[in-house]
C-alpha atoms as a PDB file:
ATOM      1  CA  UNK A   1      -0.294  -0.077  -0.042  1.00  0.00           C
ATOM      2  CA  UNK A   2       1.140   3.234  -0.372  1.00  0.00           C
ATOM      3  CA  UNK A   3       0.213   6.665   1.040  1.00  0.00           C
ATOM      4  CA  UNK A   4       1.362  10.087   0.092  1.00  0.00           C
ATOM      5  CA  UNK A   5       0.421  12.833   2.865  1.00  0.00           C
ATOM      6  CA  UNK A   6       2.388  15.929   1.638  1.00  0.00           C
ATOM      7  CA  UNK A   7      -0.124  17.700   4.384  1.00  0.00           C
ATOM      8  CA  UNK A   8       1.193  15.765   7.332  1.00  0.00           C
ATOM      9  CA  UNK A   9       4.893  16.007   5.373  1.00  0.00           C
ATOM     10  CA  UNK A  10       4.406  20.273   5.519  1.00  0.00           C
ATOM     11  CA  UNK A  11       3.160  19.944   8.805  1.00  0.00           C
ATOM     12  CA  UNK A  12       6.092  17.936   9.950  1.00  0.00           C
ATOM     13  CA  UNK A  13       8.231  20.421   8.652  1.00  0.00           C
ATOM     14  CA  UNK A  14       7.339  23.250  10.361  1.00  0.00           C
ATOM     15  CA  UNK A  15       9.361  24.367  13.395  1.00  0.00           C
ATOM     16  CA  UNK A  16       9.025  22.241  16.797  1.00  0.00           C
ATOM     17  CA  UNK A  17      10.999  19.340  19.173  1.00  0.00           C
ATOM     18  CA  UNK A  18      13.212  17.450  17.258  1.00  0.00           C
ATOM     19  CA  UNK A  19      11.969  13.840  18.046  1.00  0.00           C
ATOM     20  CA  UNK A  20      15.152  12.645  18.400  1.00  0.00           C
ATOM     21  CA  UNK A  21      17.236  15.453  20.398  1.00  0.00           C
ATOM     22  CA  UNK A  22      14.199  17.008  21.540  1.00  0.00           C
ATOM     23  CA  UNK A  23      15.999  20.989  20.728  1.00  0.00           C
ATOM     24  CA  UNK A  24      14.041  23.432  18.946  1.00  0.00           C
ATOM     25  CA  UNK A  25      14.497  23.429  15.368  1.00  0.00           C
ATOM     26  CA  UNK A  26      13.404  26.281  12.970  1.00  0.00           C
ATOM     27  CA  UNK A  27      13.050  23.855  10.017  1.00  0.00           C
ATOM     28  CA  UNK A  28      12.530  19.554  11.013  1.00  0.00           C
ATOM     29  CA  UNK A  29      12.965  16.924   8.397  1.00  0.00           C
ATOM     30  CA  UNK A  30      10.288  14.477   8.109  1.00  0.00           C
ATOM     31  CA  UNK A  31      12.145  10.941   8.664  1.00  0.00           C
ATOM     32  CA  UNK A  32      10.252   8.288   7.548  1.00  0.00           C
ATOM     33  CA  UNK A  33      11.248   5.033  10.231  1.00  0.00           C
ATOM     34  CA  UNK A  34      10.131   2.373   7.218  1.00  0.00           C
ATOM     35  CA  UNK A  35      11.749   3.847   3.875  1.00  0.00           C
ATOM     36  CA  UNK A  36      10.669   3.092   0.767  1.00  0.00           C
ATOM     37  CA  UNK A  37      13.887   0.970   0.340  1.00  0.00           C
ATOM     38  CA  UNK A  38      13.009  -1.111   2.977  1.00  0.00           C
ATOM     39  CA  UNK A  39       9.348  -1.189   2.586  1.00  0.00           C
ATOM     40  CA  UNK A  40       9.118  -2.603  -0.897  1.00  0.00           C
ATOM     41  CA  UNK A  41       8.946   0.568  -2.843  1.00  0.00           C
ATOM     42  CA  UNK A  42       5.827   1.684  -0.859  1.00  0.00           C
ATOM     43  CA  UNK A  43       5.907   5.000   0.867  1.00  0.00           C
ATOM     44  CA  UNK A  44       3.602   5.194   3.707  1.00  0.00           C
ATOM     45  CA  UNK A  45       3.287   9.052   4.983  1.00  0.00           C
ATOM     46  CA  UNK A  46       1.239   8.393   8.244  1.00  0.00           C
ATOM     47  CA  UNK A  47       1.911   9.180  12.181  1.00  0.00           C
ATOM     48  CA  UNK A  48       2.930   6.059  12.977  1.00  0.00           C
ATOM     49  CA  UNK A  49       5.967   5.660  10.527  1.00  0.00           C
ATOM     50  CA  UNK A  50       7.129   9.492  10.748  1.00  0.00           C
ATOM     51  CA  UNK A  51       9.239  11.155  13.141  1.00  0.00           C
ATOM     52  CA  UNK A  52      10.018  15.054  12.731  1.00  0.00           C
ATOM     53  CA  UNK A  53      13.700  15.253  12.977  1.00  0.00           C
ATOM     54  CA  UNK A  54      16.370  18.141  13.244  1.00  0.00           C
ATOM     55  CA  UNK A  55      18.406  18.381  10.077  1.00  0.00           C
ATOM     56  CA  UNK A  56      21.520  17.354  11.809  1.00  0.00           C
ATOM     57  CA  UNK A  57      19.624  14.300  13.729  1.00  0.00           C
ATOM     58  CA  UNK A  58      18.169  13.197  10.249  1.00  0.00           C
ATOM     59  CA  UNK A  59      21.525  12.974   8.992  1.00  0.00           C
ATOM     60  CA  UNK A  60      22.438  10.848  11.977  1.00  0.00           C
ATOM     61  CA  UNK A  61      19.839   8.572  12.349  1.00  0.00           C
ATOM     62  CA  UNK A  62      19.412   7.524   8.189  1.00  0.00           C
ATOM     63  CA  UNK A  63      20.824   4.161   7.909  1.00  0.00           C
ATOM     64  CA  UNK A  64      21.903   3.734  11.986  1.00  0.00           C
ATOM     65  CA  UNK A  65      19.221   0.454  13.257  1.00  0.00           C
ATOM     66  CA  UNK A  66      19.771   1.550  16.730  1.00  0.00           C
ATOM     67  CA  UNK A  67      18.572   5.159  16.263  1.00  0.00           C
ATOM     68  CA  UNK A  68      15.985   3.984  14.079  1.00  0.00           C
ATOM     69  CA  UNK A  69      14.864   2.003  17.496  1.00  0.00           C
ATOM     70  CA  UNK A  70      15.055   5.010  19.321  1.00  0.00           C
ATOM     71  CA  UNK A  71      12.929   6.915  17.037  1.00  0.00           C
ATOM     72  CA  UNK A  72      10.518   4.213  16.891  1.00  0.00           C
ATOM     73  CA  UNK A  73      10.067   4.830  20.484  1.00  0.00           C
ATOM     74  CA  UNK A  74      10.142   8.658  20.770  1.00  0.00           C
ATOM     75  CA  UNK A  75       6.479   7.924  18.169  1.00  0.00           C
ATOM     76  CA  UNK A  76       5.158   5.007  20.259  1.00  0.00           C
ATOM     77  CA  UNK A  77       5.125   7.817  23.136  1.00  0.00           C
ATOM     78  CA  UNK A  78       4.097  10.184  21.434  1.00  0.00           C
ATOM     79  CA  UNK A  79       1.228   8.193  19.685  1.00  0.00           C
ATOM     80  CA  UNK A  80       0.591   6.786  23.136  1.00  0.00           C
ATOM     81  CA  UNK A  81       1.218   3.407  21.897  1.00  0.00           C
ATOM     82  CA  UNK A  82       3.247   0.294  21.910  1.00  0.00           C
ATOM     83  CA  UNK A  83       6.135  -0.039  19.154  1.00  0.00           C
ATOM     84  CA  UNK A  84       5.042  -4.122  18.673  1.00  0.00           C
ATOM     85  CA  UNK A  85       1.830  -2.511  17.686  1.00  0.00           C
ATOM     86  CA  UNK A  86       3.134   0.353  15.141  1.00  0.00           C
ATOM     87  CA  UNK A  87       5.259  -2.040  13.475  1.00  0.00           C
ATOM     88  CA  UNK A  88       2.402  -4.787  12.971  1.00  0.00           C
ATOM     89  CA  UNK A  89       0.128  -1.872  12.151  1.00  0.00           C
ATOM     90  CA  UNK A  90       2.827  -0.468   9.139  1.00  0.00           C
ATOM     91  CA  UNK A  91       3.151  -4.108   8.390  1.00  0.00           C
ATOM     92  CA  UNK A  92      -0.164  -4.871   7.707  1.00  0.00           C
ATOM     93  CA  UNK A  93      -0.101  -1.539   5.342  1.00  0.00           C
ATOM     94  CA  UNK A  94       2.792  -2.548   3.445  1.00  0.00           C
ATOM     95  CA  UNK A  95       1.372  -6.012   2.674  1.00  0.00           C
ATOM     96  CA  UNK A  96      -2.337  -4.631   1.129  1.00  0.00           C
ATOM     97  CA  UNK A  97      -2.433  -3.777  -2.749  1.00  0.00           C
ATOM     98  CA  UNK A  98      -1.387  -0.320  -3.607  1.00  0.00           C
ATOM     99  CA  UNK A  99      -4.970   0.067  -4.148  1.00  0.00           C
ATOM    100  CA  UNK A 100      -6.667  -0.565  -1.275  1.00  0.00           C
ATOM    101  CA  UNK A 101      -9.791   1.587  -0.998  1.00  0.00           C
ATOM    102  CA  UNK A 102     -10.778   3.412   2.188  1.00  0.00           C
ATOM    103  CA  UNK A 103     -14.010   1.418   2.452  1.00  0.00           C
ATOM    104  CA  UNK A 104     -11.508  -2.023   2.641  1.00  0.00           C
ATOM    105  CA  UNK A 105      -9.539  -0.250   5.251  1.00  0.00           C
ATOM    106  CA  UNK A 106     -12.431   0.000   7.630  1.00  0.00           C
ATOM    107  CA  UNK A 107     -13.261  -2.904   7.316  1.00  0.00           C
ATOM    108  CA  UNK A 108      -9.852  -4.369   8.449  1.00  0.00           C
ATOM    109  CA  UNK A 109      -9.523  -1.842  11.059  1.00  0.00           C
ATOM    110  CA  UNK A 110      -6.801   0.000   9.759  1.00  0.00           C
ATOM    111  CA  UNK A 111      -8.270   3.480   8.634  1.00  0.00           C
ATOM    112  CA  UNK A 112      -7.536   5.078  11.552  1.00  0.00           C
ATOM    113  CA  UNK A 113      -3.921   4.488  11.148  1.00  0.00           C
ATOM    114  CA  UNK A 114      -4.067   6.400   7.736  1.00  0.00           C
ATOM    115  CA  UNK A 115      -6.229   9.210   7.653  1.00  0.00           C
ATOM    116  CA  UNK A 116      -4.768  12.180   9.606  1.00  0.00           C
ATOM    117  CA  UNK A 117      -6.041  16.249  10.018  1.00  0.00           C
ATOM    118  CA  UNK A 118      -3.553  18.797  10.797  1.00  0.00           C
ATOM    119  CA  UNK A 119      -4.708  19.100  14.832  1.00  0.00           C
ATOM    120  CA  UNK A 120      -5.590  22.650  16.173  1.00  0.00           C
ATOM    121  CA  UNK A 121      -2.681  24.941  17.948  1.00  0.00           C
ATOM    122  CA  UNK A 122      -2.932  24.009  21.455  1.00  0.00           C
ATOM    123  CA  UNK A 123      -3.596  27.433  24.276  1.00  0.00           C
ATOM    124  CA  UNK A 124      -0.172  28.516  24.111  1.00  0.00           C
ATOM    125  CA  UNK A 125      -0.245  28.225  20.322  1.00  0.00           C
ATOM    126  CA  UNK A 126       2.426  25.597  20.219  1.00  0.00           C
ATOM    127  CA  UNK A 127       1.302  22.555  17.547  1.00  0.00           C
ATOM    128  CA  UNK A 128       0.861  19.068  19.182  1.00  0.00           C
ATOM    129  CA  UNK A 129       2.519  16.231  17.557  1.00  0.00           C
END
């Protein structure tokens, strides 16, 4: 399955804290935890597969499995679910045909992991996620 979500990627590029080091970044870079090269050409622009990283951290994380595990844990903490659940959902989505419909995803209980809507700003003006 392929999910391309330019709005989510744009949101993750906004200024904010790096998911890896926690430092504020004026520009963050979306990092796919399971990249196209690892997933047989599929692309999953979904919150459980993305981290927002400071450009320097993004360079360090690319290709380093230990740091990938740390990023996966940060995403799990951010979403309040376990790493195993993230990996299970992501692997299920990657096994689906690229033309899987929203109705089919709903039937499988996976639609809520694919649909993303930009959250409203917090009371202090910061953006969640």
